All heavy atoms as atom14 arrays in JSON, in Angstrom:
{
  "sequence": "SVASTAALLFFLGLISREGATPPAAAAATLAGCGFSIV",
  "atom14_mask": [
    [1, 1, 1, 1, 1, 1, 0, 0, 0, 0, 0, 0, 0, 0],
    [1, 1, 1, 1, 1, 1, 1, 0, 0, 0, 0, 0, 0, 0],
    [1, 1, 1, 1, 1, 0, 0, 0, 0, 0, 0, 0, 0, 0],
    [1, 1, 1, 1, 1, 1, 0, 0, 0, 0, 0, 0, 0, 0],
    [1, 1, 1, 1, 1, 1, 1, 0, 0, 0, 0, 0, 0, 0],
    [1, 1, 1, 1, 1, 0, 0, 0, 0, 0, 0, 0, 0, 0],
    [1, 1, 1, 1, 1, 0, 0, 0, 0, 0, 0, 0, 0, 0],
    [1, 1, 1, 1, 1, 1, 1, 1, 0, 0, 0, 0, 0, 0],
    [1, 1, 1, 1, 1, 1, 1, 1, 0, 0, 0, 0, 0, 0],
    [1, 1, 1, 1, 1, 1, 1, 1, 1, 1, 1, 0, 0, 0],
    [1, 1, 1, 1, 1, 1, 1, 1, 1, 1, 1, 0, 0, 0],
    [1, 1, 1, 1, 1, 1, 1, 1, 0, 0, 0, 0, 0, 0],
    [1, 1, 1, 1, 0, 0, 0, 0, 0, 0, 0, 0, 0, 0],
    [1, 1, 1, 1, 1, 1, 1, 1, 0, 0, 0, 0, 0, 0],
    [1, 1, 1, 1, 1, 1, 1, 1, 0, 0, 0, 0, 0, 0],
    [1, 1, 1, 1, 1, 1, 0, 0, 0, 0, 0, 0, 0, 0],
    [1, 1, 1, 1, 1, 1, 1, 1, 1, 1, 1, 0, 0, 0],
    [1, 1, 1, 1, 1, 1, 1, 1, 1, 0, 0, 0, 0, 0],
    [1, 1, 1, 1, 0, 0, 0, 0, 0, 0, 0, 0, 0, 0],
    [1, 1, 1, 1, 1, 0, 0, 0, 0, 0, 0, 0, 0, 0],
    [1, 1, 1, 1, 1, 1, 1, 0, 0, 0, 0, 0, 0, 0],
    [1, 1, 1, 1, 1, 1, 1, 0, 0, 0, 0, 0, 0, 0],
    [1, 1, 1, 1, 1, 1, 1, 0, 0, 0, 0, 0, 0, 0],
    [1, 1, 1, 1, 1, 0, 0, 0, 0, 0, 0, 0, 0, 0],
    [1, 1, 1, 1, 1, 0, 0, 0, 0, 0, 0, 0, 0, 0],
    [1, 1, 1, 1, 1, 0, 0, 0, 0, 0, 0, 0, 0, 0],
    [1, 1, 1, 1, 1, 0, 0, 0, 0, 0, 0, 0, 0, 0],
    [1, 1, 1, 1, 1, 0, 0, 0, 0, 0, 0, 0, 0, 0],
    [1, 1, 1, 1, 1, 1, 1, 0, 0, 0, 0, 0, 0, 0],
    [1, 1, 1, 1, 1, 1, 1, 1, 0, 0, 0, 0, 0, 0],
    [1, 1, 1, 1, 1, 0, 0, 0, 0, 0, 0, 0, 0, 0],
    [1, 1, 1, 1, 0, 0, 0, 0, 0, 0, 0, 0, 0, 0],
    [1, 1, 1, 1, 1, 1, 0, 0, 0, 0, 0, 0, 0, 0],
    [1, 1, 1, 1, 0, 0, 0, 0, 0, 0, 0, 0, 0, 0],
    [1, 1, 1, 1, 1, 1, 1, 1, 1, 1, 1, 0, 0, 0],
    [1, 1, 1, 1, 1, 1, 0, 0, 0, 0, 0, 0, 0, 0],
    [1, 1, 1, 1, 1, 1, 1, 1, 0, 0, 0, 0, 0, 0],
    [1, 1, 1, 1, 1, 1, 1, 0, 0, 0, 0, 0, 0, 0]
  ],
  "atom14_positions": [
    [[-12.16, -4.12, -9.94], [-11.74, -3.11, -8.97], [-10.59, -3.55, -8.11], [-9.74, -2.74, -7.78], [-12.97, -2.72, -8.08], [-13.41, -3.83, -7.35], [0.0, 0.0, 0.0], [0.0, 0.0, 0.0], [0.0, 0.0, 0.0], [0.0, 0.0, 0.0], [0.0, 0.0, 0.0], [0.0, 0.0, 0.0], [0.0, 0.0, 0.0], [0.0, 0.0, 0.0]],
    [[-10.56, -4.83, -7.74], [-9.4, -5.32, -6.96], [-8.14, -5.26, -7.8], [-7.08, -4.85, -7.31], [-9.69, -6.77, -6.53], [-8.44, -7.39, -5.91], [-10.84, -6.8, -5.51], [0.0, 0.0, 0.0], [0.0, 0.0, 0.0], [0.0, 0.0, 0.0], [0.0, 0.0, 0.0], [0.0, 0.0, 0.0], [0.0, 0.0, 0.0], [0.0, 0.0, 0.0]],
    [[-8.27, -5.61, -9.08], [-7.06, -5.56, -9.93], [-6.55, -4.14, -10.1], [-5.35, -3.89, -10.04], [-7.4, -6.17, -11.3], [0.0, 0.0, 0.0], [0.0, 0.0, 0.0], [0.0, 0.0, 0.0], [0.0, 0.0, 0.0], [0.0, 0.0, 0.0], [0.0, 0.0, 0.0], [0.0, 0.0, 0.0], [0.0, 0.0, 0.0], [0.0, 0.0, 0.0]],
    [[-7.46, -3.16, -10.29], [-7.06, -1.76, -10.46], [-6.39, -1.24, -9.15], [-5.39, -0.5, -9.25], [-8.26, -0.92, -10.85], [-8.8, -1.35, -12.07], [0.0, 0.0, 0.0], [0.0, 0.0, 0.0], [0.0, 0.0, 0.0], [0.0, 0.0, 0.0], [0.0, 0.0, 0.0], [0.0, 0.0, 0.0], [0.0, 0.0, 0.0], [0.0, 0.0, 0.0]],
    [[-6.99, -1.55, -8.04], [-6.43, -1.08, -6.77], [-5.07, -1.68, -6.5], [-4.12, -1.0, -6.06], [-7.4, -1.37, -5.61], [-8.69, -0.8, -5.89], [-6.85, -0.86, -4.31], [0.0, 0.0, 0.0], [0.0, 0.0, 0.0], [0.0, 0.0, 0.0], [0.0, 0.0, 0.0], [0.0, 0.0, 0.0], [0.0, 0.0, 0.0], [0.0, 0.0, 0.0]],
    [[-4.93, -2.99, -6.75], [-3.62, -3.62, -6.54], [-2.55, -2.97, -7.44], [-1.4, -2.76, -6.98], [-3.71, -5.11, -6.82], [0.0, 0.0, 0.0], [0.0, 0.0, 0.0], [0.0, 0.0, 0.0], [0.0, 0.0, 0.0], [0.0, 0.0, 0.0], [0.0, 0.0, 0.0], [0.0, 0.0, 0.0], [0.0, 0.0, 0.0], [0.0, 0.0, 0.0]],
    [[-2.9, -2.66, -8.67], [-1.96, -1.99, -9.6], [-1.62, -0.62, -9.08], [-0.44, -0.23, -9.13], [-2.55, -1.95, -10.98], [0.0, 0.0, 0.0], [0.0, 0.0, 0.0], [0.0, 0.0, 0.0], [0.0, 0.0, 0.0], [0.0, 0.0, 0.0], [0.0, 0.0, 0.0], [0.0, 0.0, 0.0], [0.0, 0.0, 0.0], [0.0, 0.0, 0.0]],
    [[-2.64, 0.14, -8.64], [-2.36, 1.51, -8.12], [-1.39, 1.43, -6.91], [-0.43, 2.21, -6.83], [-3.68, 2.17, -7.71], [-3.56, 3.52, -7.03], [-2.88, 4.52, -7.94], [-4.92, 4.04, -6.61], [0.0, 0.0, 0.0], [0.0, 0.0, 0.0], [0.0, 0.0, 0.0], [0.0, 0.0, 0.0], [0.0, 0.0, 0.0], [0.0, 0.0, 0.0]],
    [[-1.65, 0.57, -5.97], [-0.8, 0.47, -4.81], [0.62, -0.01, -5.18], [1.63, 0.45, -4.6], [-1.38, -0.52, -3.77], [-2.73, -0.04, -3.14], [-3.35, -1.2, -2.34], [-2.48, 1.18, -2.26], [0.0, 0.0, 0.0], [0.0, 0.0, 0.0], [0.0, 0.0, 0.0], [0.0, 0.0, 0.0], [0.0, 0.0, 0.0], [0.0, 0.0, 0.0]],
    [[0.71, -0.88, -6.17], [2.03, -1.32, -6.65], [2.84, -0.16, -7.23], [4.0, 0.05, -6.89], [1.82, -2.41, -7.72], [3.06, -2.72, -8.52], [4.08, -3.48, -7.94], [3.22, -2.26, -9.8], [5.25, -3.77, -8.65], [4.36, -2.59, -10.54], [5.38, -3.31, -9.96], [0.0, 0.0, 0.0], [0.0, 0.0, 0.0], [0.0, 0.0, 0.0]],
    [[2.14, 0.67, -8.05], [2.88, 1.79, -8.66], [3.17, 2.88, -7.62], [4.22, 3.57, -7.73], [2.08, 2.36, -9.81], [2.08, 1.44, -11.03], [0.89, 0.96, -11.57], [3.27, 1.07, -11.64], [0.89, 0.1, -12.67], [3.23, 0.21, -12.75], [2.06, -0.25, -13.26], [0.0, 0.0, 0.0], [0.0, 0.0, 0.0], [0.0, 0.0, 0.0]],
    [[2.29, 3.09, -6.67], [2.6, 4.01, -5.57], [3.83, 3.52, -4.82], [4.64, 4.34, -4.34], [1.39, 4.12, -4.66], [0.21, 4.93, -5.23], [-0.97, 4.88, -4.23], [0.56, 6.35, -5.53], [0.0, 0.0, 0.0], [0.0, 0.0, 0.0], [0.0, 0.0, 0.0], [0.0, 0.0, 0.0], [0.0, 0.0, 0.0], [0.0, 0.0, 0.0]],
    [[3.94, 2.18, -4.64], [5.14, 1.67, -4.0], [6.39, 1.89, -4.85], [7.48, 2.19, -4.29], [0.0, 0.0, 0.0], [0.0, 0.0, 0.0], [0.0, 0.0, 0.0], [0.0, 0.0, 0.0], [0.0, 0.0, 0.0], [0.0, 0.0, 0.0], [0.0, 0.0, 0.0], [0.0, 0.0, 0.0], [0.0, 0.0, 0.0], [0.0, 0.0, 0.0]],
    [[6.26, 1.78, -6.18], [7.38, 1.97, -7.04], [7.93, 3.43, -7.0], [9.13, 3.69, -7.12], [7.02, 1.68, -8.49], [7.11, 0.2, -8.96], [6.7, 0.09, -10.4], [8.51, -0.38, -8.75], [0.0, 0.0, 0.0], [0.0, 0.0, 0.0], [0.0, 0.0, 0.0], [0.0, 0.0, 0.0], [0.0, 0.0, 0.0], [0.0, 0.0, 0.0]],
    [[7.02, 4.39, -6.78], [7.46, 5.81, -6.79], [7.68, 6.33, -5.37], [7.9, 7.54, -5.19], [6.4, 6.7, -7.48], [5.1, 6.67, -6.71], [6.18, 6.28, -8.92], [4.08, 7.72, -7.22], [0.0, 0.0, 0.0], [0.0, 0.0, 0.0], [0.0, 0.0, 0.0], [0.0, 0.0, 0.0], [0.0, 0.0, 0.0], [0.0, 0.0, 0.0]],
    [[7.63, 5.4, -4.38], [7.84, 5.85, -3.0], [9.2, 6.46, -2.81], [10.17, 6.13, -3.5], [7.66, 4.68, -2.06], [8.61, 3.64, -2.34], [0.0, 0.0, 0.0], [0.0, 0.0, 0.0], [0.0, 0.0, 0.0], [0.0, 0.0, 0.0], [0.0, 0.0, 0.0], [0.0, 0.0, 0.0], [0.0, 0.0, 0.0], [0.0, 0.0, 0.0]],
    [[9.32, 7.44, -1.91], [10.55, 8.14, -1.66], [11.59, 7.25, -0.97], [11.3, 6.21, -0.47], [10.27, 9.36, -0.82], [9.39, 10.4, -1.48], [9.15, 11.61, -0.57], [8.39, 12.63, -1.27], [7.11, 12.67, -1.26], [6.38, 11.73, -0.62], [6.46, 13.65, -1.91], [0.0, 0.0, 0.0], [0.0, 0.0, 0.0], [0.0, 0.0, 0.0]],
    [[12.83, 7.75, -1.03], [13.89, 7.04, -0.37], [13.56, 6.82, 1.12], [13.0, 7.69, 1.77], [15.19, 7.83, -0.48], [15.73, 7.93, -1.9], [16.16, 6.6, -2.45], [16.54, 5.71, -1.63], [16.15, 6.43, -3.66], [0.0, 0.0, 0.0], [0.0, 0.0, 0.0], [0.0, 0.0, 0.0], [0.0, 0.0, 0.0], [0.0, 0.0, 0.0]],
    [[13.95, 5.69, 1.63], [13.7, 5.37, 3.02], [12.52, 4.47, 3.26], [12.39, 3.88, 4.31], [0.0, 0.0, 0.0], [0.0, 0.0, 0.0], [0.0, 0.0, 0.0], [0.0, 0.0, 0.0], [0.0, 0.0, 0.0], [0.0, 0.0, 0.0], [0.0, 0.0, 0.0], [0.0, 0.0, 0.0], [0.0, 0.0, 0.0], [0.0, 0.0, 0.0]],
    [[11.64, 4.35, 2.27], [10.52, 3.44, 2.36], [10.99, 2.03, 2.24], [11.86, 1.71, 1.44], [9.44, 3.78, 1.28], [0.0, 0.0, 0.0], [0.0, 0.0, 0.0], [0.0, 0.0, 0.0], [0.0, 0.0, 0.0], [0.0, 0.0, 0.0], [0.0, 0.0, 0.0], [0.0, 0.0, 0.0], [0.0, 0.0, 0.0], [0.0, 0.0, 0.0]],
    [[10.45, 1.14, 3.05], [10.82, -0.25, 3.03], [9.57, -1.09, 2.73], [8.43, -0.69, 3.03], [11.39, -0.68, 4.4], [10.42, -0.52, 5.43], [12.63, 0.12, 4.72], [0.0, 0.0, 0.0], [0.0, 0.0, 0.0], [0.0, 0.0, 0.0], [0.0, 0.0, 0.0], [0.0, 0.0, 0.0], [0.0, 0.0, 0.0], [0.0, 0.0, 0.0]],
    [[9.74, -2.29, 2.14], [8.58, -3.1, 1.88], [7.75, -3.44, 3.07], [6.47, -3.3, 3.03], [9.18, -4.37, 1.23], [10.45, -3.91, 0.61], [10.96, -2.84, 1.52], [0.0, 0.0, 0.0], [0.0, 0.0, 0.0], [0.0, 0.0, 0.0], [0.0, 0.0, 0.0], [0.0, 0.0, 0.0], [0.0, 0.0, 0.0], [0.0, 0.0, 0.0]],
    [[8.31, -3.82, 4.23], [7.49, -4.06, 5.41], [6.7, -2.84, 5.84], [5.53, -2.95, 6.25], [8.47, -4.54, 6.49], [9.66, -5.02, 5.71], [9.75, -4.14, 4.48], [0.0, 0.0, 0.0], [0.0, 0.0, 0.0], [0.0, 0.0, 0.0], [0.0, 0.0, 0.0], [0.0, 0.0, 0.0], [0.0, 0.0, 0.0], [0.0, 0.0, 0.0]],
    [[7.33, -1.65, 5.81], [6.63, -0.47, 6.23], [5.47, -0.17, 5.27], [4.37, 0.25, 5.72], [7.56, 0.72, 6.28], [0.0, 0.0, 0.0], [0.0, 0.0, 0.0], [0.0, 0.0, 0.0], [0.0, 0.0, 0.0], [0.0, 0.0, 0.0], [0.0, 0.0, 0.0], [0.0, 0.0, 0.0], [0.0, 0.0, 0.0], [0.0, 0.0, 0.0]],
    [[5.66, -0.37, 3.96], [4.58, -0.09, 3.0], [3.42, -1.08, 3.2], [2.27, -0.68, 3.16], [5.14, -0.19, 1.59], [0.0, 0.0, 0.0], [0.0, 0.0, 0.0], [0.0, 0.0, 0.0], [0.0, 0.0, 0.0], [0.0, 0.0, 0.0], [0.0, 0.0, 0.0], [0.0, 0.0, 0.0], [0.0, 0.0, 0.0], [0.0, 0.0, 0.0]],
    [[3.77, -2.35, 3.42], [2.74, -3.33, 3.64], [1.96, -3.05, 4.92], [0.75, -3.19, 4.99], [3.35, -4.74, 3.65], [0.0, 0.0, 0.0], [0.0, 0.0, 0.0], [0.0, 0.0, 0.0], [0.0, 0.0, 0.0], [0.0, 0.0, 0.0], [0.0, 0.0, 0.0], [0.0, 0.0, 0.0], [0.0, 0.0, 0.0], [0.0, 0.0, 0.0]],
    [[2.7, -2.63, 5.96], [2.06, -2.29, 7.25], [1.13, -1.13, 7.13], [-0.03, -1.19, 7.67], [3.1, -2.05, 8.3], [0.0, 0.0, 0.0], [0.0, 0.0, 0.0], [0.0, 0.0, 0.0], [0.0, 0.0, 0.0], [0.0, 0.0, 0.0], [0.0, 0.0, 0.0], [0.0, 0.0, 0.0], [0.0, 0.0, 0.0], [0.0, 0.0, 0.0]],
    [[1.52, -0.1, 6.38], [0.63, 1.04, 6.2], [-0.59, 0.66, 5.45], [-1.72, 1.07, 5.72], [1.41, 2.15, 5.47], [0.0, 0.0, 0.0], [0.0, 0.0, 0.0], [0.0, 0.0, 0.0], [0.0, 0.0, 0.0], [0.0, 0.0, 0.0], [0.0, 0.0, 0.0], [0.0, 0.0, 0.0], [0.0, 0.0, 0.0], [0.0, 0.0, 0.0]],
    [[-0.43, -0.16, 4.42], [-1.56, -0.64, 3.6], [-2.52, -1.45, 4.48], [-3.73, -1.26, 4.43], [-1.08, -1.46, 2.4], [-0.14, -0.67, 1.63], [-2.26, -1.86, 1.55], [0.0, 0.0, 0.0], [0.0, 0.0, 0.0], [0.0, 0.0, 0.0], [0.0, 0.0, 0.0], [0.0, 0.0, 0.0], [0.0, 0.0, 0.0], [0.0, 0.0, 0.0]],
    [[-1.97, -2.38, 5.27], [-2.82, -3.16, 6.13], [-3.55, -2.36, 7.15], [-4.72, -2.6, 7.49], [-1.98, -4.27, 6.82], [-1.67, -5.5, 5.99], [-0.74, -6.45, 6.83], [-2.92, -6.23, 5.59], [0.0, 0.0, 0.0], [0.0, 0.0, 0.0], [0.0, 0.0, 0.0], [0.0, 0.0, 0.0], [0.0, 0.0, 0.0], [0.0, 0.0, 0.0]],
    [[-2.87, -1.3, 7.66], [-3.49, -0.45, 8.66], [-4.67, 0.27, 8.04], [-5.76, 0.38, 8.64], [-2.5, 0.56, 9.18], [0.0, 0.0, 0.0], [0.0, 0.0, 0.0], [0.0, 0.0, 0.0], [0.0, 0.0, 0.0], [0.0, 0.0, 0.0], [0.0, 0.0, 0.0], [0.0, 0.0, 0.0], [0.0, 0.0, 0.0], [0.0, 0.0, 0.0]],
    [[-4.52, 0.79, 6.81], [-5.67, 1.44, 6.12], [-6.8, 0.51, 5.88], [-7.96, 0.83, 6.06], [0.0, 0.0, 0.0], [0.0, 0.0, 0.0], [0.0, 0.0, 0.0], [0.0, 0.0, 0.0], [0.0, 0.0, 0.0], [0.0, 0.0, 0.0], [0.0, 0.0, 0.0], [0.0, 0.0, 0.0], [0.0, 0.0, 0.0], [0.0, 0.0, 0.0]],
    [[-6.47, -0.72, 5.47], [-7.5, -1.72, 5.2], [-8.2, -2.1, 6.5], [-9.4, -2.31, 6.55], [-6.89, -2.96, 4.55], [-6.29, -2.7, 2.85], [0.0, 0.0, 0.0], [0.0, 0.0, 0.0], [0.0, 0.0, 0.0], [0.0, 0.0, 0.0], [0.0, 0.0, 0.0], [0.0, 0.0, 0.0], [0.0, 0.0, 0.0], [0.0, 0.0, 0.0]],
    [[-7.4, -2.29, 7.57], [-7.97, -2.67, 8.86], [-8.95, -1.67, 9.37], [-10.06, -1.99, 9.84], [0.0, 0.0, 0.0], [0.0, 0.0, 0.0], [0.0, 0.0, 0.0], [0.0, 0.0, 0.0], [0.0, 0.0, 0.0], [0.0, 0.0, 0.0], [0.0, 0.0, 0.0], [0.0, 0.0, 0.0], [0.0, 0.0, 0.0], [0.0, 0.0, 0.0]],
    [[-8.6, -0.38, 9.25], [-9.52, 0.69, 9.71], [-10.77, 0.64, 8.84], [-11.91, 0.82, 9.34], [-8.86, 2.05, 9.62], [-9.75, 3.18, 9.9], [-10.3, 3.42, 11.15], [-10.16, 4.06, 8.85], [-11.18, 4.44, 11.4], [-11.03, 5.08, 9.11], [-11.53, 5.29, 10.37], [0.0, 0.0, 0.0], [0.0, 0.0, 0.0], [0.0, 0.0, 0.0]],
    [[-10.62, 0.43, 7.54], [-11.79, 0.4, 6.65], [-12.67, -0.79, 7.0], [-13.9, -0.65, 6.93], [-11.31, 0.27, 5.18], [-12.39, 0.37, 4.32], [0.0, 0.0, 0.0], [0.0, 0.0, 0.0], [0.0, 0.0, 0.0], [0.0, 0.0, 0.0], [0.0, 0.0, 0.0], [0.0, 0.0, 0.0], [0.0, 0.0, 0.0], [0.0, 0.0, 0.0]],
    [[-12.15, -1.9, 7.38], [-12.95, -3.06, 7.76], [-13.74, -2.7, 9.03], [-14.9, -3.09, 9.15], [-12.05, -4.29, 8.0], [-11.5, -4.78, 6.63], [-12.9, -5.46, 8.62], [-10.48, -5.91, 6.78], [0.0, 0.0, 0.0], [0.0, 0.0, 0.0], [0.0, 0.0, 0.0], [0.0, 0.0, 0.0], [0.0, 0.0, 0.0], [0.0, 0.0, 0.0]],
    [[-13.11, -2.02, 9.95], [-13.82, -1.59, 11.19], [-14.99, -0.68, 10.8], [-16.11, -0.78, 11.35], [-12.85, -0.87, 12.14], [-13.62, -0.24, 13.33], [-11.8, -1.85, 12.66], [0.0, 0.0, 0.0], [0.0, 0.0, 0.0], [0.0, 0.0, 0.0], [0.0, 0.0, 0.0], [0.0, 0.0, 0.0], [0.0, 0.0, 0.0], [0.0, 0.0, 0.0]]
  ]
}
């Protein structure tokens, strides 16, 4: 499940629209994970 999710997030990053930056994508991902941990 970890491998599948990492692949999905990777491909979602690949198809991200113009203007998306790696730090912003990582921050959004961490924010979603952080809320889920809470």
